[in-house]
Amino acid sequence: MGFYGLMQLSPGLLREKISHAGGQDRKRLIWALIIRDGALLAFAIVYIACFSILFGPAGSYVGVGSFCILLSSRAVSYEYDIKAELLALIVSLSLMGINSVLVPVLSVFEVFVLNLVSLFLIIRLTTAKPLYGNGGVYTFSYVLITGIPVTGTEIGHRMAAIGLAMILCGLVFWHNQRQKNRDVKISEVVKIKSMHDPILRWQIRLVVGVSTAILIGQLLNVNRTMWLGFAAMSILLPQNNQLRERASLRLGGVIIGSIMFALILSVTPIKWVFLVAPIAGLGLGLTPNYFMASIFNCFGALSMAYTLFGLTPAVFLRIFNNGIGIAAALLVAGLGRFLWNHHRCSKCAEQ
């Protein structure tokens, strides 16, 4: 396989090949992984910068969210025909844009209901196979875009950015997915058949967990409420048995990453601070480790937050919000497991 072909492989597959290779082949694979990661980071910077230049701050967050969707669209379909998939993409992005306008004028409990309904619809439309990662991609994008609401003249900029995201993601989606699942109707995939469906139960758990975490953040009136949503999302994987382990790794990574960010900033000349986030982004793309990813994620999140709140408050906020979001996720998962087991026991008793 040529070098360009190696760069098209997923990071996981490249790492697997590296672990089994030796000599020059191993070096070649390592360079393919590094250059792939660097090229992807450069593309992300250019892509997001274009949204920021065209639409201002209201568009930059759409750029981040849609970039994740764009990458996912290359490899992961919604598991039904392309026309319905493109319609589902439009619906999903539209909800992100419209809800970011509605959030400022609704009460926290109205926002909670809005998040429940909208997120469930988006996840149901896009995540027929949770292990492929679309649940995390679309939840992240929804929480990010709605977590930075817009008012006044920014509404037009936000909706224009959403429109451009629809076009770009739609083109990539059509190019890569148009030949798949041509005979599968959307109703066959999204129709709710039974609560015995583990995918449906996971989708409900994810949506309720993320929405609850955001609600708690709004009730506490903390800044960066979306961090609670991200933390809950990160914990609520399809695999039940990994929840506590991921919770420990996430919280530990956030604490260490936040402290490291503060220490690095204290010794870094101000003119070089702008490099901290991109370097961390490069490391994030290279690590397969969830704990290390949680550390690197702090650098990107805090790079902007510390300019708004100050370094020490931003670090405290990062740790506090993640702790509350993780606790909310574990609470919802535990309650859901209890209710489901109680339901099954009741059915068994009736028989």
Protein backbone atom coordinates (compact mmCIF):
# COMPACT_ATOMS: atom_id res chain seq x y z
CA MET A 1 0.00 0.00 0.00
CA GLY A 2 1.25 3.48 -0.89
CA PHE A 3 1.99 6.15 1.71
CA TYR A 4 -1.12 8.14 0.80
CA GLY A 5 -3.18 4.98 1.12
CA LEU A 6 -1.80 4.43 4.62
CA MET A 7 -2.86 7.96 5.57
CA GLN A 8 -6.43 7.09 4.60
CA LEU A 9 -6.58 4.34 7.22
CA SER A 10 -8.17 5.01 10.59
CA PRO A 11 -5.82 5.84 13.49
CA GLY A 12 -6.88 2.65 15.25
CA LEU A 13 -5.97 0.49 12.26
CA LEU A 14 -2.64 2.29 11.82
CA ARG A 15 -1.77 1.74 15.48
CA GLU A 16 -2.64 -1.94 15.13
CA LYS A 17 -0.34 -2.23 12.10
CA ILE A 18 2.43 -0.40 13.97
CA SER A 19 2.21 -2.84 16.88
CA HIS A 20 2.79 -5.79 14.52
CA ALA A 21 5.40 -4.18 12.25
CA GLY A 22 9.15 -3.85 12.59
CA GLY A 23 12.11 -2.08 11.00
CA GLN A 24 11.44 0.28 8.12
CA ASP A 25 7.79 -0.74 7.85
CA ARG A 26 7.21 0.34 11.43
CA LYS A 27 8.87 3.73 10.84
CA ARG A 28 6.81 4.21 7.68
CA LEU A 29 3.58 3.48 9.54
CA ILE A 30 4.51 5.82 12.40
CA TRP A 31 5.22 8.63 9.95
CA ALA A 32 1.93 7.95 8.19
CA LEU A 33 0.10 8.30 11.52
CA ILE A 34 1.94 11.51 12.46
CA ILE A 35 1.52 13.17 9.06
CA ARG A 36 -2.13 12.09 8.92
CA ASP A 37 -2.74 13.67 12.32
CA GLY A 38 -0.90 16.86 11.37
CA ALA A 39 -2.76 17.20 8.08
CA LEU A 40 -6.09 16.63 9.80
CA LEU A 41 -5.27 19.26 12.43
CA ALA A 42 -4.25 21.75 9.73
CA PHE A 43 -7.47 21.09 7.81
CA ALA A 44 -9.50 21.56 10.99
CA ILE A 45 -7.85 24.92 11.67
CA VAL A 46 -8.49 26.15 8.12
CA TYR A 47 -12.07 24.81 8.05
CA ILE A 48 -13.06 26.38 11.37
CA ALA A 49 -11.22 29.62 10.54
CA CYS A 50 -13.29 29.94 7.35
CA PHE A 51 -16.52 29.72 9.34
CA SER A 52 -15.18 32.29 11.80
CA ILE A 53 -14.12 34.69 9.04
CA LEU A 54 -17.39 34.34 7.13
CA PHE A 55 -19.84 34.40 10.03
CA GLY A 56 -17.95 35.68 13.07
CA PRO A 57 -18.15 34.09 16.54
CA ALA A 58 -21.67 32.81 15.82
CA GLY A 59 -20.26 30.70 13.01
CA SER A 60 -17.06 29.42 14.58
CA TYR A 61 -18.86 26.95 16.86
CA VAL A 62 -20.88 25.68 13.90
CA GLY A 63 -17.53 25.18 12.19
CA VAL A 64 -16.26 23.01 15.04
CA GLY A 65 -19.44 20.93 15.27
CA SER A 66 -19.87 20.49 11.53
CA PHE A 67 -16.20 19.54 11.14
CA CYS A 68 -16.81 16.51 13.36
CA ILE A 69 -19.92 15.63 11.34
CA LEU A 70 -17.97 16.09 8.10
CA LEU A 71 -15.32 13.57 9.17
CA SER A 72 -17.94 11.11 10.37
CA SER A 73 -19.85 11.43 7.09
CA ARG A 74 -16.88 9.96 5.20
CA ALA A 75 -17.12 6.59 6.94
CA VAL A 76 -20.42 6.21 8.81
CA SER A 77 -23.90 6.17 7.29
CA TYR A 78 -27.28 6.32 8.99
CA GLU A 79 -28.07 2.83 7.65
CA TYR A 80 -30.89 3.80 5.24
CA ASP A 81 -31.22 5.25 1.72
CA ILE A 82 -29.25 8.37 0.79
CA LYS A 83 -32.22 10.68 0.14
CA ALA A 84 -33.62 10.05 3.59
CA GLU A 85 -30.13 10.32 5.08
CA LEU A 86 -29.62 13.77 3.57
CA LEU A 87 -33.02 14.84 4.89
CA ALA A 88 -32.05 13.55 8.35
CA LEU A 89 -28.79 15.52 8.16
CA ILE A 90 -30.74 18.69 7.33
CA VAL A 91 -33.17 18.07 10.19
CA SER A 92 -30.33 17.44 12.66
CA LEU A 93 -28.37 20.58 11.74
CA SER A 94 -31.57 22.64 11.62
CA LEU A 95 -32.44 21.62 15.18
CA MET A 96 -28.97 22.65 16.32
CA GLY A 97 -29.34 26.07 14.72
CA ILE A 98 -32.95 26.74 15.70
CA ASN A 99 -32.49 25.58 19.29
CA SER A 100 -29.48 27.87 19.73
CA VAL A 101 -31.90 30.73 19.04
CA LEU A 102 -34.65 29.37 21.32
CA VAL A 103 -32.49 28.65 24.38
CA PRO A 104 -32.13 32.30 25.54
CA VAL A 105 -35.92 32.88 25.57
CA LEU A 106 -36.95 29.66 27.35
CA SER A 107 -36.90 28.69 31.01
CA VAL A 108 -34.40 26.06 32.16
CA PHE A 109 -37.11 23.40 32.34
CA GLU A 110 -38.40 24.29 28.88
CA VAL A 111 -34.83 23.97 27.61
CA PHE A 112 -34.62 20.57 29.32
CA VAL A 113 -37.70 19.34 27.44
CA LEU A 114 -36.41 20.88 24.20
CA ASN A 115 -33.08 19.08 24.62
CA LEU A 116 -34.77 15.77 25.41
CA VAL A 117 -36.98 15.86 22.32
CA SER A 118 -34.41 17.29 19.91
CA LEU A 119 -31.49 15.13 21.00
CA PHE A 120 -33.56 11.97 20.91
CA LEU A 121 -34.74 12.76 17.38
CA ILE A 122 -31.19 13.50 16.22
CA ILE A 123 -29.73 10.37 17.83
CA ARG A 124 -32.57 8.20 16.55
CA LEU A 125 -32.03 9.49 13.01
CA THR A 126 -28.24 9.25 12.96
CA THR A 127 -27.13 6.49 15.32
CA ALA A 128 -28.47 3.10 14.31
CA LYS A 129 -25.11 1.54 15.22
CA PRO A 130 -23.76 3.24 18.37
CA LEU A 131 -20.35 1.57 18.24
CA TYR A 132 -19.57 3.48 15.02
CA GLY A 133 -19.43 6.72 17.02
CA ASN A 134 -22.20 8.88 15.55
CA GLY A 135 -23.87 9.19 18.95
CA GLY A 136 -20.87 11.05 20.32
CA VAL A 137 -20.35 13.13 17.17
CA TYR A 138 -23.91 14.45 16.91
CA THR A 139 -24.39 14.89 20.66
CA PHE A 140 -21.14 16.86 20.85
CA SER A 141 -22.19 19.08 17.95
CA TYR A 142 -25.66 19.66 19.40
CA VAL A 143 -24.40 20.52 22.89
CA LEU A 144 -21.65 22.78 21.50
CA ILE A 145 -23.85 24.77 19.11
CA THR A 146 -26.83 25.14 21.44
CA GLY A 147 -24.46 25.77 24.36
CA ILE A 148 -23.40 29.05 22.72
CA PRO A 149 -26.83 30.62 22.01
CA VAL A 150 -27.26 33.63 19.74
CA THR A 151 -29.46 36.73 19.75
CA GLY A 152 -30.01 39.79 17.57
CA THR A 153 -27.91 40.08 14.43
CA GLU A 154 -25.97 36.94 15.35
CA ILE A 155 -29.05 34.84 14.55
CA GLY A 156 -28.61 35.47 10.83
CA HIS A 157 -24.92 34.61 11.00
CA ARG A 158 -25.63 31.40 12.93
CA MET A 159 -28.29 30.23 10.46
CA ALA A 160 -26.09 31.09 7.47
CA ALA A 161 -23.29 29.02 9.02
CA ILE A 162 -25.73 26.15 9.54
CA GLY A 163 -26.73 26.42 5.87
CA LEU A 164 -23.11 26.18 4.72
CA ALA A 165 -22.56 23.22 7.05
CA MET A 166 -25.55 21.47 5.47
CA ILE A 167 -24.07 21.93 2.00
CA LEU A 168 -20.54 20.80 2.87
CA CYS A 169 -21.54 17.85 5.05
CA GLY A 170 -24.26 16.89 2.58
CA LEU A 171 -21.81 16.77 -0.32
CA VAL A 172 -19.36 14.60 1.62
CA PHE A 173 -22.18 12.38 2.83
CA TRP A 174 -23.59 11.93 -0.67
CA HIS A 175 -20.17 11.22 -2.18
CA ASN A 176 -19.30 8.52 0.35
CA GLN A 177 -22.65 6.95 1.28
CA ARG A 178 -24.89 7.15 -1.81
CA GLN A 179 -24.36 3.52 -2.84
CA LYS A 180 -25.04 2.04 0.60
CA ASN A 181 -28.37 0.79 1.97
CA ARG A 182 -30.21 1.80 -1.20
CA ASP A 183 -33.17 -0.46 -0.48
CA VAL A 184 -33.49 0.31 3.23
CA LYS A 185 -36.29 2.71 4.20
CA ILE A 186 -35.85 5.16 7.04
CA SER A 187 -38.91 3.74 8.82
CA GLU A 188 -37.20 0.33 9.08
CA VAL A 189 -34.36 1.89 11.08
CA VAL A 190 -35.93 4.60 13.24
CA LYS A 191 -39.25 2.97 14.08
CA ILE A 192 -39.48 2.14 17.79
CA LYS A 193 -40.38 -1.52 18.11
CA SER A 194 -39.75 -2.45 21.74
CA MET A 195 -38.01 -1.32 24.91
CA HIS A 196 -36.20 -4.65 24.75
CA ASP A 197 -34.06 -3.11 22.00
CA PRO A 198 -30.69 -2.37 23.71
CA ILE A 199 -29.89 0.36 21.17
CA LEU A 200 -33.10 2.22 22.01
CA ARG A 201 -32.38 1.95 25.74
CA TRP A 202 -28.86 3.26 25.23
CA GLN A 203 -30.16 6.16 23.13
CA ILE A 204 -32.64 7.09 25.87
CA ARG A 205 -29.92 6.83 28.52
CA LEU A 206 -27.58 9.08 26.53
CA VAL A 207 -30.24 11.72 25.82
CA VAL A 208 -31.60 11.80 29.38
CA GLY A 209 -28.10 11.83 30.88
CA VAL A 210 -26.82 14.71 28.75
CA SER A 211 -30.04 16.73 29.10
CA THR A 212 -30.04 16.22 32.88
CA ALA A 213 -26.41 17.31 33.18
CA ILE A 214 -27.15 20.50 31.24
CA LEU A 215 -30.24 21.14 33.39
CA ILE A 216 -28.19 20.83 36.57
CA GLY A 217 -25.62 23.25 35.20
CA GLN A 218 -28.31 25.78 34.34
CA LEU A 219 -29.95 25.43 37.76
CA LEU A 220 -26.55 26.01 39.39
CA ASN A 221 -26.06 28.98 37.04
CA VAL A 222 -22.48 28.00 36.20
CA ASN A 223 -20.56 29.21 33.18
CA ARG A 224 -19.71 26.75 30.40
CA THR A 225 -22.75 24.55 31.08
CA MET A 226 -21.92 22.63 27.92
CA TRP A 227 -18.93 21.10 29.72
CA LEU A 228 -21.38 19.19 31.92
CA GLY A 229 -23.08 17.86 28.79
CA PHE A 230 -19.77 16.82 27.24
CA ALA A 231 -18.73 15.01 30.42
CA ALA A 232 -22.03 13.10 30.63
CA MET A 233 -21.85 12.23 26.94
CA SER A 234 -18.31 10.94 27.30
CA ILE A 235 -19.28 8.57 30.11
CA LEU A 236 -22.50 7.16 28.63
CA LEU A 237 -21.10 4.64 26.18
CA PRO A 238 -23.18 1.76 24.77
CA GLN A 239 -21.20 -0.63 27.00
CA ASN A 240 -22.68 -0.62 30.51
CA ASN A 241 -19.69 -2.26 32.17
CA GLN A 242 -17.29 0.60 31.34
CA LEU A 243 -19.19 3.43 33.05
CA ARG A 244 -17.37 3.58 36.38
CA GLU A 245 -13.98 3.00 34.81
CA ARG A 246 -14.51 5.78 32.27
CA ALA A 247 -15.84 8.07 35.00
CA SER A 248 -12.64 7.61 37.01
CA LEU A 249 -10.42 8.08 33.96
CA ARG A 250 -12.35 11.15 32.82
CA LEU A 251 -12.26 12.89 36.19
CA GLY A 252 -8.61 12.03 36.79
CA GLY A 253 -7.68 13.23 33.30
CA VAL A 254 -9.58 16.50 33.75
CA ILE A 255 -7.93 17.24 37.10
CA ILE A 256 -4.43 16.48 35.82
CA GLY A 257 -5.00 18.20 32.47
CA SER A 258 -6.37 21.36 34.08
CA ILE A 259 -3.47 21.60 36.53
CA MET A 260 -0.96 20.93 33.74
CA PHE A 261 -2.53 23.68 31.64
CA ALA A 262 -2.18 26.15 34.51
CA LEU A 263 1.46 25.17 35.10
CA ILE A 264 2.37 25.36 31.40
CA LEU A 265 0.72 28.76 31.03
CA SER A 266 2.59 30.07 34.06
CA VAL A 267 5.98 29.38 32.41
CA THR A 268 5.10 29.98 28.74
CA PRO A 269 5.86 33.44 27.28
CA ILE A 270 2.62 35.16 26.33
CA LYS A 271 3.59 35.34 22.64
CA TRP A 272 3.78 31.52 22.47
CA VAL A 273 0.57 30.71 24.34
CA PHE A 274 -1.38 30.40 21.08
CA LEU A 275 0.63 27.24 20.27
CA VAL A 276 -0.51 25.34 23.38
CA ALA A 277 -3.92 24.28 22.02
CA PRO A 278 -2.70 23.12 18.55
CA ILE A 279 0.15 21.10 20.10
CA ALA A 280 -2.34 19.48 22.47
CA GLY A 281 -4.62 18.82 19.49
CA LEU A 282 -1.77 17.00 17.77
CA GLY A 283 -1.26 14.88 20.88
CA LEU A 284 -4.98 14.20 21.11
CA GLY A 285 -5.00 12.77 17.61
CA LEU A 286 -2.07 10.47 18.34
CA THR A 287 -3.22 8.96 21.62
CA PRO A 288 -5.51 5.91 21.71
CA ASN A 289 -5.81 6.28 25.49
CA TYR A 290 -9.04 7.70 26.97
CA PHE A 291 -7.24 9.01 30.06
CA MET A 292 -4.66 10.87 27.96
CA ALA A 293 -7.40 12.16 25.67
CA SER A 294 -9.16 13.62 28.72
CA ILE A 295 -5.93 15.42 29.62
CA PHE A 296 -5.36 16.83 26.13
CA ASN A 297 -9.00 17.93 25.83
CA CYS A 298 -8.48 20.30 28.76
CA PHE A 299 -5.94 22.33 26.81
CA GLY A 300 -8.35 23.15 24.02
CA ALA A 301 -11.24 23.84 26.38
CA LEU A 302 -9.23 26.04 28.74
CA SER A 303 -7.38 27.96 26.02
CA MET A 304 -10.45 30.10 25.44
CA ALA A 305 -12.05 29.82 28.88
CA TYR A 306 -9.08 31.30 30.75
CA THR A 307 -9.26 34.45 28.60
CA LEU A 308 -12.89 34.91 29.66
CA PHE A 309 -12.78 33.97 33.35
CA GLY A 310 -9.13 34.09 34.37
CA LEU A 311 -6.79 31.13 34.77
CA THR A 312 -7.64 29.93 38.28
CA PRO A 313 -11.45 30.32 37.93
CA ALA A 314 -11.34 28.56 34.54
CA VAL A 315 -9.39 25.61 35.96
CA PHE A 316 -11.77 25.31 38.91
CA LEU A 317 -14.77 25.57 36.58
CA ARG A 318 -13.38 22.85 34.30
CA ILE A 319 -12.95 20.41 37.18
CA PHE A 320 -16.24 21.31 38.89
CA ASN A 321 -18.38 21.10 35.75
CA ASN A 322 -16.88 17.79 34.71
CA GLY A 323 -17.38 16.36 38.18
CA ILE A 324 -21.06 17.33 38.20
CA GLY A 325 -21.56 16.09 34.62
CA ILE A 326 -19.97 12.74 35.44
CA ALA A 327 -22.10 12.39 38.58
CA ALA A 328 -25.25 13.17 36.58
CA ALA A 329 -24.34 10.54 33.99
CA LEU A 330 -23.74 7.86 36.62
CA LEU A 331 -26.97 8.78 38.41
CA VAL A 332 -29.06 8.54 35.23
CA ALA A 333 -27.37 5.29 34.18
CA GLY A 334 -27.90 3.75 37.61
CA LEU A 335 -31.52 4.85 37.80
CA GLY A 336 -32.16 3.56 34.28
CA ARG A 337 -30.63 0.19 35.12
CA PHE A 338 -32.73 -0.04 38.30
CA LEU A 339 -35.98 0.79 36.48
CA TRP A 340 -35.25 -1.67 33.67
CA ASN A 341 -34.40 -4.49 36.09
CA HIS A 342 -37.55 -3.70 38.10
CA HIS A 343 -39.61 -3.79 34.89
CA ARG A 344 -38.16 -7.17 33.89
CA CYS A 345 -38.74 -8.62 37.36
CA SER A 346 -42.35 -7.44 37.28
CA LYS A 347 -42.88 -9.12 33.91
CA CYS A 348 -41.32 -12.35 35.20
CA ALA A 349 -43.56 -12.28 38.27
CA GLU A 350 -46.66 -11.87 36.09
CA GLN A 351 -45.70 -14.95 34.10
